[in-house]
Amino acid sequence: MEVVKKSIKISGSHCLGPVELRKAIADVPVGGYLEVITNDPCAKEDIPVWCKFTKNELVEYTELEGGWMRFLIKRTR
């Protein structure tokens, strides 16, 4: 299992913004992992697109109970 360097939990359907993700991953060293836990319905599409755009790697996506989702992102640059 990968070692998570930072974890954020965002609740609400305000559509998780790229600015929030950029700020969070800035605290993670290159090669480290950011865990994002959210119930934002937009995240299922937005986070993979953000990862591709920023050239970070979406390592894992898991659907959790109650509409929550977990994304594990590896910082590659």
PDB file of N, CA and C in Angstrom:
ATOM      1  N   MET A   1       0.846  -1.192   0.000  1.00  0.00           N
ATOM      2  CA  MET A   1       0.000   0.000   0.000  1.00  0.00           C
ATOM      3  C   MET A   1       0.886   1.248   0.000  1.00  0.00           C
ATOM      4  N   GLU A   2       0.472   2.198  -0.789  1.00  0.00           N
ATOM      5  CA  GLU A   2       1.214   3.451  -0.887  1.00  0.00           C
ATOM      6  C   GLU A   2       1.099   4.251   0.410  1.00  0.00           C
ATOM      7  N   VAL A   3       2.128   5.022   0.716  1.00  0.00           N
ATOM      8  CA  VAL A   3       2.107   5.873   1.894  1.00  0.00           C
ATOM      9  C   VAL A   3       1.493   7.212   1.492  1.00  0.00           C
ATOM     10  N   VAL A   4       0.409   7.571   2.138  1.00  0.00           N
ATOM     11  CA  VAL A   4      -0.266   8.830   1.852  1.00  0.00           C
ATOM     12  C   VAL A   4       0.480   9.943   2.568  1.00  0.00           C
ATOM     13  N   LYS A   5       0.879  10.949   1.833  1.00  0.00           N
ATOM     14  CA  LYS A   5       1.596  12.082   2.409  1.00  0.00           C
ATOM     15  C   LYS A   5       0.645  13.180   2.856  1.00  0.00           C
ATOM     16  N   LYS A   6      -0.522  13.254   2.222  1.00  0.00           N
ATOM     17  CA  LYS A   6      -1.520  14.250   2.603  1.00  0.00           C
ATOM     18  C   LYS A   6      -2.891  13.702   2.257  1.00  0.00           C
ATOM     19  N   SER A   7      -3.854  14.004   3.117  1.00  0.00           N
ATOM     20  CA  SER A   7      -5.216  13.564   2.884  1.00  0.00           C
ATOM     21  C   SER A   7      -6.148  14.753   3.069  1.00  0.00           C
ATOM     22  N   ILE A   8      -7.073  14.931   2.137  1.00  0.00           N
ATOM     23  CA  ILE A   8      -8.075  15.986   2.283  1.00  0.00           C
ATOM     24  C   ILE A   8      -9.452  15.370   2.146  1.00  0.00           C
ATOM     25  N   LYS A   9     -10.406  15.921   2.877  1.00  0.00           N
ATOM     26  CA  LYS A   9     -11.794  15.465   2.806  1.00  0.00           C
ATOM     27  C   LYS A   9     -12.642  16.684   2.482  1.00  0.00           C
ATOM     28  N   ILE A  10     -13.366  16.601   1.382  1.00  0.00           N
ATOM     29  CA  ILE A  10     -14.178  17.727   0.941  1.00  0.00           C
ATOM     30  C   ILE A  10     -15.612  17.256   0.781  1.00  0.00           C
ATOM     31  N   SER A  11     -16.505  17.932   1.498  1.00  0.00           N
ATOM     32  CA  SER A  11     -17.911  17.575   1.469  1.00  0.00           C
ATOM     33  C   SER A  11     -18.687  18.647   0.716  1.00  0.00           C
ATOM     34  N   GLY A  12     -19.654  18.203  -0.046  1.00  0.00           N
ATOM     35  CA  GLY A  12     -20.527  19.146  -0.725  1.00  0.00           C
ATOM     36  C   GLY A  12     -20.489  18.988  -2.220  1.00  0.00           C
ATOM     37  N   SER A  13     -21.476  19.542  -2.844  1.00  0.00           N
ATOM     38  CA  SER A  13     -21.599  19.388  -4.293  1.00  0.00           C
ATOM     39  C   SER A  13     -21.258  20.680  -5.013  1.00  0.00           C
ATOM     40  N   HIS A  14     -20.238  21.381  -4.524  1.00  0.00           N
ATOM     41  CA  HIS A  14     -19.835  22.638  -5.160  1.00  0.00           C
ATOM     42  C   HIS A  14     -18.839  22.406  -6.283  1.00  0.00           C
ATOM     43  N   CYS A  15     -18.624  21.182  -6.631  1.00  0.00           N
ATOM     44  CA  CYS A  15     -17.663  20.791  -7.668  1.00  0.00           C
ATOM     45  C   CYS A  15     -16.237  21.154  -7.261  1.00  0.00           C
ATOM     46  N   LEU A  16     -15.551  20.162  -6.798  1.00  0.00           N
ATOM     47  CA  LEU A  16     -14.169  20.255  -6.344  1.00  0.00           C
ATOM     48  C   LEU A  16     -13.329  20.963  -7.394  1.00  0.00           C
ATOM     49  N   GLY A  17     -12.724  22.073  -7.012  1.00  0.00           N
ATOM     50  CA  GLY A  17     -12.019  22.890  -7.988  1.00  0.00           C
ATOM     51  C   GLY A  17     -10.564  22.522  -8.167  1.00  0.00           C
ATOM     52  N   PRO A  18     -10.024  22.832  -9.348  1.00  0.00           N
ATOM     53  CA  PRO A  18      -8.613  22.570  -9.607  1.00  0.00           C
ATOM     54  C   PRO A  18      -7.696  23.360  -8.685  1.00  0.00           C
ATOM     55  N   VAL A  19      -8.148  24.519  -8.217  1.00  0.00           N
ATOM     56  CA  VAL A  19      -7.332  25.322  -7.300  1.00  0.00           C
ATOM     57  C   VAL A  19      -7.158  24.582  -5.977  1.00  0.00           C
ATOM     58  N   GLU A  20      -8.222  23.970  -5.481  1.00  0.00           N
ATOM     59  CA  GLU A  20      -8.134  23.203  -4.231  1.00  0.00           C
ATOM     60  C   GLU A  20      -7.177  22.027  -4.381  1.00  0.00           C
ATOM     61  N   LEU A  21      -7.261  21.336  -5.506  1.00  0.00           N
ATOM     62  CA  LEU A  21      -6.370  20.200  -5.749  1.00  0.00           C
ATOM     63  C   LEU A  21      -4.926  20.658  -5.892  1.00  0.00           C
ATOM     64  N   ARG A  22      -4.714  21.748  -6.596  1.00  0.00           N
ATOM     65  CA  ARG A  22      -3.347  22.257  -6.796  1.00  0.00           C
ATOM     66  C   ARG A  22      -2.723  22.652  -5.456  1.00  0.00           C
ATOM     67  N   LYS A  23      -3.493  23.317  -4.597  1.00  0.00           N
ATOM     68  CA  LYS A  23      -2.979  23.706  -3.274  1.00  0.00           C
ATOM     69  C   LYS A  23      -2.642  22.473  -2.437  1.00  0.00           C
ATOM     70  N   ALA A  24      -3.505  21.470  -2.493  1.00  0.00           N
ATOM     71  CA  ALA A  24      -3.295  20.268  -1.682  1.00  0.00           C
ATOM     72  C   ALA A  24      -2.074  19.486  -2.161  1.00  0.00           C
ATOM     73  N   ILE A  25      -1.923  19.318  -3.465  1.00  0.00           N
ATOM     74  CA  ILE A  25      -0.809  18.508  -3.969  1.00  0.00           C
ATOM     75  C   ILE A  25       0.521  19.243  -3.837  1.00  0.00           C
ATOM     76  N   ALA A  26       0.487  20.562  -3.696  1.00  0.00           N
ATOM     77  CA  ALA A  26       1.718  21.335  -3.505  1.00  0.00           C
ATOM     78  C   ALA A  26       2.416  20.951  -2.198  1.00  0.00           C
ATOM     79  N   ASP A  27       1.667  20.427  -1.235  1.00  0.00           N
ATOM     80  CA  ASP A  27       2.230  20.007   0.055  1.00  0.00           C
ATOM     81  C   ASP A  27       2.801  18.589   0.007  1.00  0.00           C
ATOM     82  N   VAL A  28       2.652  17.917  -1.120  1.00  0.00           N
ATOM     83  CA  VAL A  28       3.103  16.530  -1.272  1.00  0.00           C
ATOM     84  C   VAL A  28       4.404  16.528  -2.072  1.00  0.00           C
ATOM     85  N   PRO A  29       5.424  15.831  -1.595  1.00  0.00           N
ATOM     86  CA  PRO A  29       6.669  15.766  -2.377  1.00  0.00           C
ATOM     87  C   PRO A  29       6.472  14.952  -3.659  1.00  0.00           C
ATOM     88  N   VAL A  30       7.264  15.239  -4.676  1.00  0.00           N
ATOM     89  CA  VAL A  30       7.215  14.463  -5.915  1.00  0.00           C
ATOM     90  C   VAL A  30       7.448  12.994  -5.559  1.00  0.00           C
ATOM     91  N   GLY A  31       6.596  12.133  -6.070  1.00  0.00           N
ATOM     92  CA  GLY A  31       6.659  10.711  -5.737  1.00  0.00           C
ATOM     93  C   GLY A  31       5.732  10.346  -4.588  1.00  0.00           C
ATOM     94  N   GLY A  32       5.200  11.368  -3.896  1.00  0.00           N
ATOM     95  CA  GLY A  32       4.285  11.144  -2.785  1.00  0.00           C
ATOM     96  C   GLY A  32       2.848  11.037  -3.270  1.00  0.00           C
ATOM     97  N   TYR A  33       1.947  10.834  -2.332  1.00  0.00           N
ATOM     98  CA  TYR A  33       0.554  10.575  -2.664  1.00  0.00           C
ATOM     99  C   TYR A  33      -0.379  11.546  -1.953  1.00  0.00           C
ATOM    100  N   LEU A  34      -1.406  11.950  -2.683  1.00  0.00           N
ATOM    101  CA  LEU A  34      -2.487  12.764  -2.136  1.00  0.00           C
ATOM    102  C   LEU A  34      -3.744  11.915  -2.147  1.00  0.00           C
ATOM    103  N   GLU A  35      -4.382  11.815  -0.994  1.00  0.00           N
ATOM    104  CA  GLU A  35      -5.651  11.105  -0.894  1.00  0.00           C
ATOM    105  C   GLU A  35      -6.756  12.152  -0.836  1.00  0.00           C
ATOM    106  N   VAL A  36      -7.732  12.015  -1.717  1.00  0.00           N
ATOM    107  CA  VAL A  36      -8.877  12.928  -1.737  1.00  0.00           C
ATOM    108  C   VAL A  36     -10.120  12.105  -1.452  1.00  0.00           C
ATOM    109  N   ILE A  37     -10.827  12.482  -0.399  1.00  0.00           N
ATOM    110  CA  ILE A  37     -12.089  11.838  -0.058  1.00  0.00           C
ATOM    111  C   ILE A  37     -13.166  12.897  -0.212  1.00  0.00           C
ATOM    112  N   THR A  38     -14.158  12.597  -1.032  1.00  0.00           N
ATOM    113  CA  THR A  38     -15.185  13.592  -1.319  1.00  0.00           C
ATOM    114  C   THR A  38     -16.511  12.925  -1.641  1.00  0.00           C
ATOM    115  N   ASN A  39     -17.568  13.689  -1.457  1.00  0.00           N
ATOM    116  CA  ASN A  39     -18.887  13.233  -1.894  1.00  0.00           C
ATOM    117  C   ASN A  39     -19.396  14.144  -3.013  1.00  0.00           C
ATOM    118  N   ASP A  40     -18.509  14.901  -3.616  1.00  0.00           N
ATOM    119  CA  ASP A  40     -18.820  15.790  -4.727  1.00  0.00           C
ATOM    120  C   ASP A  40     -19.079  14.948  -5.977  1.00  0.00           C
ATOM    121  N   PRO A  41     -20.298  14.976  -6.520  1.00  0.00           N
ATOM    122  CA  PRO A  41     -20.604  14.141  -7.672  1.00  0.00           C
ATOM    123  C   PRO A  41     -19.775  14.487  -8.918  1.00  0.00           C
ATOM    124  N   CYS A  42     -19.280  15.709  -9.016  1.00  0.00           N
ATOM    125  CA  CYS A  42     -18.457  16.118 -10.161  1.00  0.00           C
ATOM    126  C   CYS A  42     -17.069  15.470 -10.129  1.00  0.00           C
ATOM    127  N   ALA A  43     -16.623  15.079  -8.958  1.00  0.00           N
ATOM    128  CA  ALA A  43     -15.251  14.583  -8.790  1.00  0.00           C
ATOM    129  C   ALA A  43     -14.960  13.344  -9.620  1.00  0.00           C
ATOM    130  N   LYS A  44     -15.937  12.495  -9.813  1.00  0.00           N
ATOM    131  CA  LYS A  44     -15.733  11.243 -10.552  1.00  0.00           C
ATOM    132  C   LYS A  44     -15.211  11.514 -11.964  1.00  0.00           C
ATOM    133  N   GLU A  45     -15.650  12.614 -12.562  1.00  0.00           N
ATOM    134  CA  GLU A  45     -15.164  12.992 -13.892  1.00  0.00           C
ATOM    135  C   GLU A  45     -14.026  14.006 -13.810  1.00  0.00           C
ATOM    136  N   ASP A  46     -14.132  14.942 -12.869  1.00  0.00           N
ATOM    137  CA  ASP A  46     -13.175  16.058 -12.811  1.00  0.00           C
ATOM    138  C   ASP A  46     -11.772  15.656 -12.373  1.00  0.00           C
ATOM    139  N   ILE A  47     -11.656  14.792 -11.370  1.00  0.00           N
ATOM    140  CA  ILE A  47     -10.329  14.449 -10.852  1.00  0.00           C
ATOM    141  C   ILE A  47      -9.489  13.699 -11.892  1.00  0.00           C
ATOM    142  N   PRO A  48     -10.032  12.703 -12.593  1.00  0.00           N
ATOM    143  CA  PRO A  48      -9.210  12.066 -13.640  1.00  0.00           C
ATOM    144  C   PRO A  48      -8.761  13.054 -14.728  1.00  0.00           C
ATOM    145  N   VAL A  49      -9.630  13.972 -15.099  1.00  0.00           N
ATOM    146  CA  VAL A  49      -9.264  14.986 -16.106  1.00  0.00           C
ATOM    147  C   VAL A  49      -8.167  15.892 -15.555  1.00  0.00           C
ATOM    148  N   TRP A  50      -8.299  16.299 -14.298  1.00  0.00           N
ATOM    149  CA  TRP A  50      -7.289  17.158 -13.666  1.00  0.00           C
ATOM    150  C   TRP A  50      -5.944  16.439 -13.616  1.00  0.00           C
ATOM    151  N   CYS A  51      -5.950  15.166 -13.264  1.00  0.00           N
ATOM    152  CA  CYS A  51      -4.704  14.396 -13.203  1.00  0.00           C
ATOM    153  C   CYS A  51      -4.032  14.347 -14.574  1.00  0.00           C
ATOM    154  N   LYS A  52      -4.805  14.084 -15.598  1.00  0.00           N
ATOM    155  CA  LYS A  52      -4.255  14.007 -16.951  1.00  0.00           C
ATOM    156  C   LYS A  52      -3.689  15.367 -17.372  1.00  0.00           C
ATOM    157  N   PHE A  53      -4.423  16.437 -17.096  1.00  0.00           N
ATOM    158  CA  PHE A  53      -4.009  17.791 -17.461  1.00  0.00           C
ATOM    159  C   PHE A  53      -2.724  18.207 -16.749  1.00  0.00           C
ATOM    160  N   THR A  54      -2.606  17.837 -15.461  1.00  0.00           N
ATOM    161  CA  THR A  54      -1.441  18.241 -14.661  1.00  0.00           C
ATOM    162  C   THR A  54      -0.317  17.205 -14.709  1.00  0.00           C
ATOM    163  N   LYS A  55      -0.542  16.117 -15.410  1.00  0.00           N
ATOM    164  CA  LYS A  55       0.433  15.032 -15.553  1.00  0.00           C
ATOM    165  C   LYS A  55       0.760  14.350 -14.219  1.00  0.00           C
ATOM    166  N   ASN A  56      -0.218  14.321 -13.324  1.00  0.00           N
ATOM    167  CA  ASN A  56      -0.116  13.517 -12.118  1.00  0.00           C
ATOM    168  C   ASN A  56      -0.867  12.215 -12.384  1.00  0.00           C
ATOM    169  N   GLU A  57      -0.622  11.211 -11.568  1.00  0.00           N
ATOM    170  CA  GLU A  57      -1.163   9.877 -11.839  1.00  0.00           C
ATOM    171  C   GLU A  57      -2.277   9.510 -10.867  1.00  0.00           C
ATOM    172  N   LEU A  58      -3.449   9.218 -11.418  1.00  0.00           N
ATOM    173  CA  LEU A  58      -4.535   8.697 -10.599  1.00  0.00           C
ATOM    174  C   LEU A  58      -4.264   7.213 -10.402  1.00  0.00           C
ATOM    175  N   VAL A  59      -3.891   6.850  -9.185  1.00  0.00           N
ATOM    176  CA  VAL A  59      -3.470   5.483  -8.879  1.00  0.00           C
ATOM    177  C   VAL A  59      -4.664   4.602  -8.535  1.00  0.00           C
ATOM    178  N   GLU A  60      -5.637   5.197  -7.846  1.00  0.00           N
ATOM    179  CA  GLU A  60      -6.744   4.380  -7.351  1.00  0.00           C
ATOM    180  C   GLU A  60      -8.000   5.227  -7.213  1.00  0.00           C
ATOM    181  N   TYR A  61      -9.125   4.625  -7.544  1.00  0.00           N
ATOM    182  CA  TYR A  61     -10.440   5.238  -7.334  1.00  0.00           C
ATOM    183  C   TYR A  61     -11.310   4.197  -6.654  1.00  0.00           C
ATOM    184  N   THR A  62     -11.942   4.581  -5.549  1.00  0.00           N
ATOM    185  CA  THR A  62     -12.792   3.665  -4.806  1.00  0.00           C
ATOM    186  C   THR A  62     -14.091   4.351  -4.441  1.00  0.00           C
ATOM    187  N   GLU A  63     -15.206   3.686  -4.678  1.00  0.00           N
ATOM    188  CA  GLU A  63     -16.496   4.197  -4.222  1.00  0.00           C
ATOM    189  C   GLU A  63     -16.713   3.693  -2.800  1.00  0.00           C
ATOM    190  N   LEU A  64     -17.027   4.628  -1.909  1.00  0.00           N
ATOM    191  CA  LEU A  64     -17.247   4.307  -0.504  1.00  0.00           C
ATOM    192  C   LEU A  64     -18.740   4.388  -0.195  1.00  0.00           C
ATOM    193  N   GLU A  65     -19.108   4.089   1.036  1.00  0.00           N
ATOM    194  CA  GLU A  65     -20.515   4.140   1.448  1.00  0.00           C
ATOM    195  C   GLU A  65     -21.032   5.574   1.481  1.00  0.00           C
ATOM    196  N   GLY A  66     -22.323   5.723   1.293  1.00  0.00           N
ATOM    197  CA  GLY A  66     -22.979   7.011   1.463  1.00  0.00           C
ATOM    198  C   GLY A  66     -22.655   8.039   0.394  1.00  0.00           C
ATOM    199  N   GLY A  67     -22.238   7.587  -0.780  1.00  0.00           N
ATOM    200  CA  GLY A  67     -21.939   8.527  -1.856  1.00  0.00           C
ATOM    201  C   GLY A  67     -20.544   9.117  -1.819  1.00  0.00           C
ATOM    202  N   TRP A  68     -19.712   8.659  -0.896  1.00  0.00           N
ATOM    203  CA  TRP A  68     -18.333   9.149  -0.796  1.00  0.00           C
ATOM    204  C   TRP A  68     -17.435   8.397  -1.774  1.00  0.00           C
ATOM    205  N   MET A  69     -16.385   9.059  -2.210  1.00  0.00           N
ATOM    206  CA  MET A  69     -15.403   8.469  -3.117  1.00  0.00           C
ATOM    207  C   MET A  69     -14.004   8.764  -2.592  1.00  0.00           C
ATOM    208  N   ARG A  70     -13.080   7.872  -2.908  1.00  0.00           N
ATOM    209  CA  ARG A  70     -11.678   8.045  -2.516  1.00  0.00           C
ATOM    210  C   ARG A  70     -10.815   7.992  -3.771  1.00  0.00           C
ATOM    211  N   PHE A  71      -9.979   8.996  -3.922  1.00  0.00           N
ATOM    212  CA  PHE A  71      -9.040   9.067  -5.033  1.00  0.00           C
ATOM    213  C   PHE A  71      -7.636   9.092  -4.447  1.00  0.00           C
ATOM    214  N   LEU A  72      -6.738   8.304  -5.006  1.00  0.00           N
ATOM    215  CA  LEU A  72      -5.339   8.324  -4.600  1.00  0.00           C
ATOM    216  C   LEU A  72      -4.535   8.814  -5.796  1.00  0.00           C
ATOM    217  N   ILE A  73      -3.873   9.957  -5.618  1.00  0.00           N
ATOM    218  CA  ILE A  73      -3.145  10.610  -6.703  1.00  0.00           C
ATOM    219  C   ILE A  73      -1.664  10.629  -6.367  1.00  0.00           C
ATOM    220  N   LYS A  74      -0.852  10.174  -7.312  1.00  0.00           N
ATOM    221  CA  LYS A  74       0.606  10.219  -7.137  1.00  0.00           C
ATOM    222  C   LYS A  74       1.125  11.495  -7.799  1.00  0.00           C
ATOM    223  N   ARG A  75       1.880  12.274  -7.030  1.00  0.00           N
ATOM    224  CA  ARG A  75       2.466  13.473  -7.592  1.00  0.00           C
ATOM    225  C   ARG A  75       3.693  13.066  -8.415  1.00  0.00           C
ATOM    226  N   THR A  76       3.673  13.418  -9.681  1.00  0.00           N
ATOM    227  CA  THR A  76       4.752  12.992 -10.579  1.00  0.00           C
ATOM    228  C   THR A  76       5.666  14.138 -10.997  1.00  0.00           C
ATOM    229  N   ARG A  77       5.282  15.376 -10.674  1.00  0.00           N
ATOM    230  CA  ARG A  77       6.127  16.520 -11.041  1.00  0.00           C
ATOM    231  C   ARG A  77       5.932  17.684 -10.097  1.00  0.00           C
TER     232      ARG A  77
END
